[in-house]
Amino acid sequence: MTQVLELQFVTTEGKTSTLTIDAPKPNLTAAEIQQVMETIVAKNVFSGPAGAISAIKGARIVDRQVTEFDVATA
């Protein structure tokens, strides 16, 4: 199973911007996540076509299970 931590922010243009972190450490707390997100907003280092990150929207851990099939042909 693969896990990613998605940090969701609101941009200055009113859009949602998501930062994805692969394999987050186990037992993360909401307080730890919030502290990091507040730092990201305060430092104002990320921006793109949808504007700069301006506020916290939410965070979640997404579990994904991938099953691969060997169907390649020679």
PDB file of N, CA and C in Angstrom:
ATOM      1  N   MET A   1       0.841  -1.169   0.000  1.00  0.00           N
ATOM      2  CA  MET A   1       0.000   0.000   0.000  1.00  0.00           C
ATOM      3  C   MET A   1       0.893   1.241   0.000  1.00  0.00           C
ATOM      4  N   THR A   2       0.535   2.214  -0.790  1.00  0.00           N
ATOM      5  CA  THR A   2       1.274   3.459  -0.911  1.00  0.00           C
ATOM      6  C   THR A   2       0.486   4.573  -0.226  1.00  0.00           C
ATOM      7  N   GLN A   3       1.175   5.390   0.540  1.00  0.00           N
ATOM      8  CA  GLN A   3       0.535   6.528   1.191  1.00  0.00           C
ATOM      9  C   GLN A   3       1.156   7.820   0.711  1.00  0.00           C
ATOM     10  N   VAL A   4       0.317   8.841   0.581  1.00  0.00           N
ATOM     11  CA  VAL A   4       0.795  10.192   0.317  1.00  0.00           C
ATOM     12  C   VAL A   4       0.057  11.147   1.252  1.00  0.00           C
ATOM     13  N   LEU A   5       0.750  12.183   1.654  1.00  0.00           N
ATOM     14  CA  LEU A   5       0.141  13.254   2.439  1.00  0.00           C
ATOM     15  C   LEU A   5      -0.153  14.387   1.473  1.00  0.00           C
ATOM     16  N   GLU A   6      -1.405  14.802   1.416  1.00  0.00           N
ATOM     17  CA  GLU A   6      -1.805  15.914   0.560  1.00  0.00           C
ATOM     18  C   GLU A   6      -2.061  17.135   1.427  1.00  0.00           C
ATOM     19  N   LEU A   7      -1.319  18.203   1.165  1.00  0.00           N
ATOM     20  CA  LEU A   7      -1.509  19.480   1.851  1.00  0.00           C
ATOM     21  C   LEU A   7      -2.251  20.394   0.889  1.00  0.00           C
ATOM     22  N   GLN A   8      -3.447  20.798   1.261  1.00  0.00           N
ATOM     23  CA  GLN A   8      -4.298  21.601   0.381  1.00  0.00           C
ATOM     24  C   GLN A   8      -4.322  23.053   0.860  1.00  0.00           C
ATOM     25  N   PHE A   9      -4.100  23.961  -0.088  1.00  0.00           N
ATOM     26  CA  PHE A   9      -4.053  25.384   0.214  1.00  0.00           C
ATOM     27  C   PHE A   9      -4.992  26.142  -0.718  1.00  0.00           C
ATOM     28  N   VAL A  10      -5.380  27.337  -0.299  1.00  0.00           N
ATOM     29  CA  VAL A  10      -6.114  28.273  -1.145  1.00  0.00           C
ATOM     30  C   VAL A  10      -5.093  29.263  -1.682  1.00  0.00           C
ATOM     31  N   THR A  11      -5.221  29.600  -2.968  1.00  0.00           N
ATOM     32  CA  THR A  11      -4.298  30.560  -3.579  1.00  0.00           C
ATOM     33  C   THR A  11      -4.910  31.951  -3.612  1.00  0.00           C
ATOM     34  N   THR A  12      -4.091  32.923  -3.975  1.00  0.00           N
ATOM     35  CA  THR A  12      -4.562  34.305  -4.073  1.00  0.00           C
ATOM     36  C   THR A  12      -5.622  34.477  -5.151  1.00  0.00           C
ATOM     37  N   GLU A  13      -5.713  33.520  -6.067  1.00  0.00           N
ATOM     38  CA  GLU A  13      -6.723  33.558  -7.121  1.00  0.00           C
ATOM     39  C   GLU A  13      -7.988  32.791  -6.727  1.00  0.00           C
ATOM     40  N   GLY A  14      -8.039  32.284  -5.474  1.00  0.00           N
ATOM     41  CA  GLY A  14      -9.212  31.552  -5.013  1.00  0.00           C
ATOM     42  C   GLY A  14      -9.258  30.101  -5.454  1.00  0.00           C
ATOM     43  N   LYS A  15      -8.181  29.598  -5.993  1.00  0.00           N
ATOM     44  CA  LYS A  15      -8.093  28.202  -6.449  1.00  0.00           C
ATOM     45  C   LYS A  15      -7.490  27.342  -5.340  1.00  0.00           C
ATOM     46  N   THR A  16      -7.563  26.024  -5.548  1.00  0.00           N
ATOM     47  CA  THR A  16      -6.940  25.090  -4.616  1.00  0.00           C
ATOM     48  C   THR A  16      -5.614  24.617  -5.192  1.00  0.00           C
ATOM     49  N   SER A  17      -4.587  24.633  -4.365  1.00  0.00           N
ATOM     50  CA  SER A  17      -3.268  24.131  -4.740  1.00  0.00           C
ATOM     51  C   SER A  17      -2.913  23.018  -3.765  1.00  0.00           C
ATOM     52  N   THR A  18      -2.422  21.892  -4.286  1.00  0.00           N
ATOM     53  CA  THR A  18      -2.117  20.748  -3.440  1.00  0.00           C
ATOM     54  C   THR A  18      -0.646  20.384  -3.552  1.00  0.00           C
ATOM     55  N   LEU A  19       0.012  20.266  -2.396  1.00  0.00           N
ATOM     56  CA  LEU A  19       1.378  19.752  -2.331  1.00  0.00           C
ATOM     57  C   LEU A  19       1.277  18.312  -1.857  1.00  0.00           C
ATOM     58  N   THR A  20       1.949  17.399  -2.545  1.00  0.00           N
ATOM     59  CA  THR A  20       1.884  15.981  -2.220  1.00  0.00           C
ATOM     60  C   THR A  20       3.234  15.511  -1.708  1.00  0.00           C
ATOM     61  N   ILE A  21       3.213  14.812  -0.575  1.00  0.00           N
ATOM     62  CA  ILE A  21       4.431  14.284   0.030  1.00  0.00           C
ATOM     63  C   ILE A  21       4.314  12.772   0.073  1.00  0.00           C
ATOM     64  N   ASP A  22       5.229  12.089  -0.609  1.00  0.00           N
ATOM     65  CA  ASP A  22       5.239  10.629  -0.634  1.00  0.00           C
ATOM     66  C   ASP A  22       5.718  10.062   0.691  1.00  0.00           C
ATOM     67  N   ALA A  23       5.150   8.940   1.072  1.00  0.00           N
ATOM     68  CA  ALA A  23       5.572   8.163   2.246  1.00  0.00           C
ATOM     69  C   ALA A  23       5.740   9.029   3.499  1.00  0.00           C
ATOM     70  N   PRO A  24       4.665   9.660   3.961  1.00  0.00           N
ATOM     71  CA  PRO A  24       4.794  10.468   5.173  1.00  0.00           C
ATOM     72  C   PRO A  24       5.132   9.603   6.380  1.00  0.00           C
ATOM     73  N   LYS A  25       5.779  10.201   7.362  1.00  0.00           N
ATOM     74  CA  LYS A  25       6.167   9.428   8.544  1.00  0.00           C
ATOM     75  C   LYS A  25       4.904   8.949   9.266  1.00  0.00           C
ATOM     76  N   PRO A  26       4.994   7.788   9.881  1.00  0.00           N
ATOM     77  CA  PRO A  26       3.834   7.270  10.615  1.00  0.00           C
ATOM     78  C   PRO A  26       3.519   8.160  11.820  1.00  0.00           C
ATOM     79  N   ASN A  27       2.293   8.125  12.241  1.00  0.00           N
ATOM     80  CA  ASN A  27       1.839   8.818  13.452  1.00  0.00           C
ATOM     81  C   ASN A  27       1.963  10.336  13.393  1.00  0.00           C
ATOM     82  N   LEU A  28       1.800  10.914  12.211  1.00  0.00           N
ATOM     83  CA  LEU A  28       1.757  12.372  12.120  1.00  0.00           C
ATOM     84  C   LEU A  28       0.537  12.882  12.876  1.00  0.00           C
ATOM     85  N   THR A  29       0.682  14.025  13.508  1.00  0.00           N
ATOM     86  CA  THR A  29      -0.461  14.615  14.203  1.00  0.00           C
ATOM     87  C   THR A  29      -0.979  15.815  13.416  1.00  0.00           C
ATOM     88  N   ALA A  30      -2.219  16.170  13.681  1.00  0.00           N
ATOM     89  CA  ALA A  30      -2.803  17.341  13.036  1.00  0.00           C
ATOM     90  C   ALA A  30      -2.017  18.594  13.394  1.00  0.00           C
ATOM     91  N   ALA A  31      -1.523  18.667  14.627  1.00  0.00           N
ATOM     92  CA  ALA A  31      -0.747  19.832  15.058  1.00  0.00           C
ATOM     93  C   ALA A  31       0.556  19.964  14.272  1.00  0.00           C
ATOM     94  N   GLU A  32       1.228  18.847  14.031  1.00  0.00           N
ATOM     95  CA  GLU A  32       2.480  18.876  13.253  1.00  0.00           C
ATOM     96  C   GLU A  32       2.210  19.330  11.824  1.00  0.00           C
ATOM     97  N   ILE A  33       1.159  18.789  11.242  1.00  0.00           N
ATOM     98  CA  ILE A  33       0.811  19.146   9.866  1.00  0.00           C
ATOM     99  C   ILE A  33       0.443  20.623   9.782  1.00  0.00           C
ATOM    100  N   GLN A  34      -0.359  21.087  10.718  1.00  0.00           N
ATOM    101  CA  GLN A  34      -0.780  22.488  10.716  1.00  0.00           C
ATOM    102  C   GLN A  34       0.416  23.422  10.851  1.00  0.00           C
ATOM    103  N   GLN A  35       1.358  23.077  11.710  1.00  0.00           N
ATOM    104  CA  GLN A  35       2.546  23.920  11.904  1.00  0.00           C
ATOM    105  C   GLN A  35       3.334  24.054  10.600  1.00  0.00           C
ATOM    106  N   VAL A  36       3.516  22.942   9.896  1.00  0.00           N
ATOM    107  CA  VAL A  36       4.243  22.971   8.622  1.00  0.00           C
ATOM    108  C   VAL A  36       3.474  23.797   7.590  1.00  0.00           C
ATOM    109  N   MET A  37       2.164  23.615   7.546  1.00  0.00           N
ATOM    110  CA  MET A  37       1.359  24.354   6.576  1.00  0.00           C
ATOM    111  C   MET A  37       1.385  25.855   6.867  1.00  0.00           C
ATOM    112  N   GLU A  38       1.333  26.229   8.126  1.00  0.00           N
ATOM    113  CA  GLU A  38       1.411  27.647   8.490  1.00  0.00           C
ATOM    114  C   GLU A  38       2.757  28.239   8.075  1.00  0.00           C
ATOM    115  N   THR A  39       3.824  27.468   8.211  1.00  0.00           N
ATOM    116  CA  THR A  39       5.148  27.923   7.786  1.00  0.00           C
ATOM    117  C   THR A  39       5.186  28.125   6.274  1.00  0.00           C
ATOM    118  N   ILE A  40       4.601  27.198   5.528  1.00  0.00           N
ATOM    119  CA  ILE A  40       4.564  27.319   4.061  1.00  0.00           C
ATOM    120  C   ILE A  40       3.824  28.585   3.655  1.00  0.00           C
ATOM    121  N   VAL A  41       2.692  28.862   4.290  1.00  0.00           N
ATOM    122  CA  VAL A  41       1.931  30.074   3.971  1.00  0.00           C
ATOM    123  C   VAL A  41       2.745  31.317   4.340  1.00  0.00           C
ATOM    124  N   ALA A  42       3.351  31.317   5.524  1.00  0.00           N
ATOM    125  CA  ALA A  42       4.093  32.493   6.000  1.00  0.00           C
ATOM    126  C   ALA A  42       5.318  32.802   5.147  1.00  0.00           C
ATOM    127  N   LYS A  43       6.015  31.762   4.672  1.00  0.00           N
ATOM    128  CA  LYS A  43       7.243  31.970   3.885  1.00  0.00           C
ATOM    129  C   LYS A  43       6.953  32.401   2.455  1.00  0.00           C
ATOM    130  N   ASN A  44       5.739  32.117   1.965  1.00  0.00           N
ATOM    131  CA  ASN A  44       5.309  32.555   0.633  1.00  0.00           C
ATOM    132  C   ASN A  44       6.307  32.170  -0.464  1.00  0.00           C
ATOM    133  N   VAL A  45       6.712  30.899  -0.494  1.00  0.00           N
ATOM    134  CA  VAL A  45       7.697  30.460  -1.476  1.00  0.00           C
ATOM    135  C   VAL A  45       7.095  29.730  -2.678  1.00  0.00           C
ATOM    136  N   PHE A  46       5.829  29.367  -2.603  1.00  0.00           N
ATOM    137  CA  PHE A  46       5.201  28.635  -3.707  1.00  0.00           C
ATOM    138  C   PHE A  46       4.179  29.516  -4.407  1.00  0.00           C
ATOM    139  N   SER A  47       4.279  29.563  -5.722  1.00  0.00           N
ATOM    140  CA  SER A  47       3.266  30.239  -6.524  1.00  0.00           C
ATOM    141  C   SER A  47       3.245  29.597  -7.896  1.00  0.00           C
ATOM    142  N   GLY A  48       2.182  29.818  -8.604  1.00  0.00           N
ATOM    143  CA  GLY A  48       2.043  29.246  -9.939  1.00  0.00           C
ATOM    144  C   GLY A  48       0.963  29.987 -10.693  1.00  0.00           C
ATOM    145  N   PRO A  49       0.471  29.398 -11.770  1.00  0.00           N
ATOM    146  CA  PRO A  49      -0.553  30.064 -12.582  1.00  0.00           C
ATOM    147  C   PRO A  49      -1.828  30.388 -11.793  1.00  0.00           C
ATOM    148  N   ALA A  50      -2.093  29.631 -10.727  1.00  0.00           N
ATOM    149  CA  ALA A  50      -3.290  29.861  -9.921  1.00  0.00           C
ATOM    150  C   ALA A  50      -3.034  30.846  -8.786  1.00  0.00           C
ATOM    151  N   GLY A  51      -1.858  31.481  -8.774  1.00  0.00           N
ATOM    152  CA  GLY A  51      -1.532  32.452  -7.739  1.00  0.00           C
ATOM    153  C   GLY A  51      -0.651  31.867  -6.655  1.00  0.00           C
ATOM    154  N   ALA A  52      -0.306  32.697  -5.690  1.00  0.00           N
ATOM    155  CA  ALA A  52       0.530  32.264  -4.565  1.00  0.00           C
ATOM    156  C   ALA A  52      -0.342  31.614  -3.499  1.00  0.00           C
ATOM    157  N   ILE A  53       0.256  30.721  -2.728  1.00  0.00           N
ATOM    158  CA  ILE A  53      -0.456  30.086  -1.623  1.00  0.00           C
ATOM    159  C   ILE A  53      -0.747  31.154  -0.574  1.00  0.00           C
ATOM    160  N   SER A  54      -2.026  31.231  -0.142  1.00  0.00           N
ATOM    161  CA  SER A  54      -2.395  32.291   0.790  1.00  0.00           C
ATOM    162  C   SER A  54      -3.072  31.810   2.072  1.00  0.00           C
ATOM    163  N   ALA A  55      -3.611  30.578   2.079  1.00  0.00           N
ATOM    164  CA  ALA A  55      -4.303  30.083   3.267  1.00  0.00           C
ATOM    165  C   ALA A  55      -4.362  28.562   3.260  1.00  0.00           C
ATOM    166  N   ILE A  56      -4.567  27.995   4.431  1.00  0.00           N
ATOM    167  CA  ILE A  56      -4.712  26.542   4.574  1.00  0.00           C
ATOM    168  C   ILE A  56      -6.147  26.148   4.244  1.00  0.00           C
ATOM    169  N   LYS A  57      -6.290  25.105   3.459  1.00  0.00           N
ATOM    170  CA  LYS A  57      -7.623  24.584   3.143  1.00  0.00           C
ATOM    171  C   LYS A  57      -7.875  23.257   3.863  1.00  0.00           C
ATOM    172  N   GLY A  58      -6.872  22.349   3.849  1.00  0.00           N
ATOM    173  CA  GLY A  58      -7.047  21.055   4.509  1.00  0.00           C
ATOM    174  C   GLY A  58      -5.842  20.167   4.268  1.00  0.00           C
ATOM    175  N   ALA A  59      -5.884  19.004   4.896  1.00  0.00           N
ATOM    176  CA  ALA A  59      -4.816  18.023   4.721  1.00  0.00           C
ATOM    177  C   ALA A  59      -5.425  16.633   4.855  1.00  0.00           C
ATOM    178  N   ARG A  60      -4.818  15.687   4.152  1.00  0.00           N
ATOM    179  CA  ARG A  60      -5.305  14.312   4.248  1.00  0.00           C
ATOM    180  C   ARG A  60      -4.213  13.349   3.832  1.00  0.00           C
ATOM    181  N   ILE A  61      -4.309  12.138   4.382  1.00  0.00           N
ATOM    182  CA  ILE A  61      -3.438  11.052   3.950  1.00  0.00           C
ATOM    183  C   ILE A  61      -4.265  10.164   3.046  1.00  0.00           C
ATOM    184  N   VAL A  62      -3.715   9.861   1.880  1.00  0.00           N
ATOM    185  CA  VAL A  62      -4.396   9.034   0.901  1.00  0.00           C
ATOM    186  C   VAL A  62      -3.660   7.705   0.802  1.00  0.00           C
ATOM    187  N   ASP A  63      -4.399   6.620   1.000  1.00  0.00           N
ATOM    188  CA  ASP A  63      -3.855   5.268   0.843  1.00  0.00           C
ATOM    189  C   ASP A  63      -4.228   4.767  -0.545  1.00  0.00           C
ATOM    190  N   ARG A  64      -3.257   4.151  -1.204  1.00  0.00           N
ATOM    191  CA  ARG A  64      -3.519   3.635  -2.545  1.00  0.00           C
ATOM    192  C   ARG A  64      -2.886   2.271  -2.667  1.00  0.00           C
ATOM    193  N   GLN A  65      -3.662   1.343  -3.140  1.00  0.00           N
ATOM    194  CA  GLN A  65      -3.136   0.001  -3.370  1.00  0.00           C
ATOM    195  C   GLN A  65      -3.092  -0.243  -4.869  1.00  0.00           C
ATOM    196  N   VAL A  66      -1.932  -0.654  -5.360  1.00  0.00           N
ATOM    197  CA  VAL A  66      -1.741  -0.894  -6.784  1.00  0.00           C
ATOM    198  C   VAL A  66      -1.453  -2.384  -6.987  1.00  0.00           C
ATOM    199  N   THR A  67      -2.192  -2.980  -7.904  1.00  0.00           N
ATOM    200  CA  THR A  67      -1.948  -4.357  -8.285  1.00  0.00           C
ATOM    201  C   THR A  67      -1.541  -4.362  -9.753  1.00  0.00           C
ATOM    202  N   GLU A  68      -0.333  -4.824 -10.019  1.00  0.00           N
ATOM    203  CA  GLU A  68       0.159  -4.849 -11.385  1.00  0.00           C
ATOM    204  C   GLU A  68      -0.026  -6.255 -11.962  1.00  0.00           C
ATOM    205  N   PHE A  69      -0.340  -6.289 -13.253  1.00  0.00           N
ATOM    206  CA  PHE A  69      -0.491  -7.543 -13.969  1.00  0.00           C
ATOM    207  C   PHE A  69       0.589  -7.619 -15.040  1.00  0.00           C
ATOM    208  N   ASP A  70       1.176  -8.777 -15.191  1.00  0.00           N
ATOM    209  CA  ASP A  70       2.205  -8.989 -16.202  1.00  0.00           C
ATOM    210  C   ASP A  70       1.526  -9.364 -17.508  1.00  0.00           C
ATOM    211  N   VAL A  71       1.227  -8.355 -18.322  1.00  0.00           N
ATOM    212  CA  VAL A  71       0.544  -8.587 -19.583  1.00  0.00           C
ATOM    213  C   VAL A  71       1.386  -8.166 -20.778  1.00  0.00           C
ATOM    214  N   ALA A  72       2.653  -7.878 -20.548  1.00  0.00           N
ATOM    215  CA  ALA A  72       3.539  -7.431 -21.632  1.00  0.00           C
ATOM    216  C   ALA A  72       3.737  -8.562 -22.629  1.00  0.00           C
ATOM    217  N   THR A  73       3.811  -8.167 -23.879  1.00  0.00           N
ATOM    218  CA  THR A  73       4.083  -9.149 -24.930  1.00  0.00           C
ATOM    219  C   THR A  73       5.490  -8.968 -25.445  1.00  0.00           C
ATOM    220  N   ALA A  74       6.047 -10.030 -25.944  1.00  0.00           N
ATOM    221  CA  ALA A  74       7.436  -9.986 -26.430  1.00  0.00           C
ATOM    222  C   ALA A  74       7.529  -9.396 -27.794  1.00  0.00           C
TER     223      ALA A  74
END
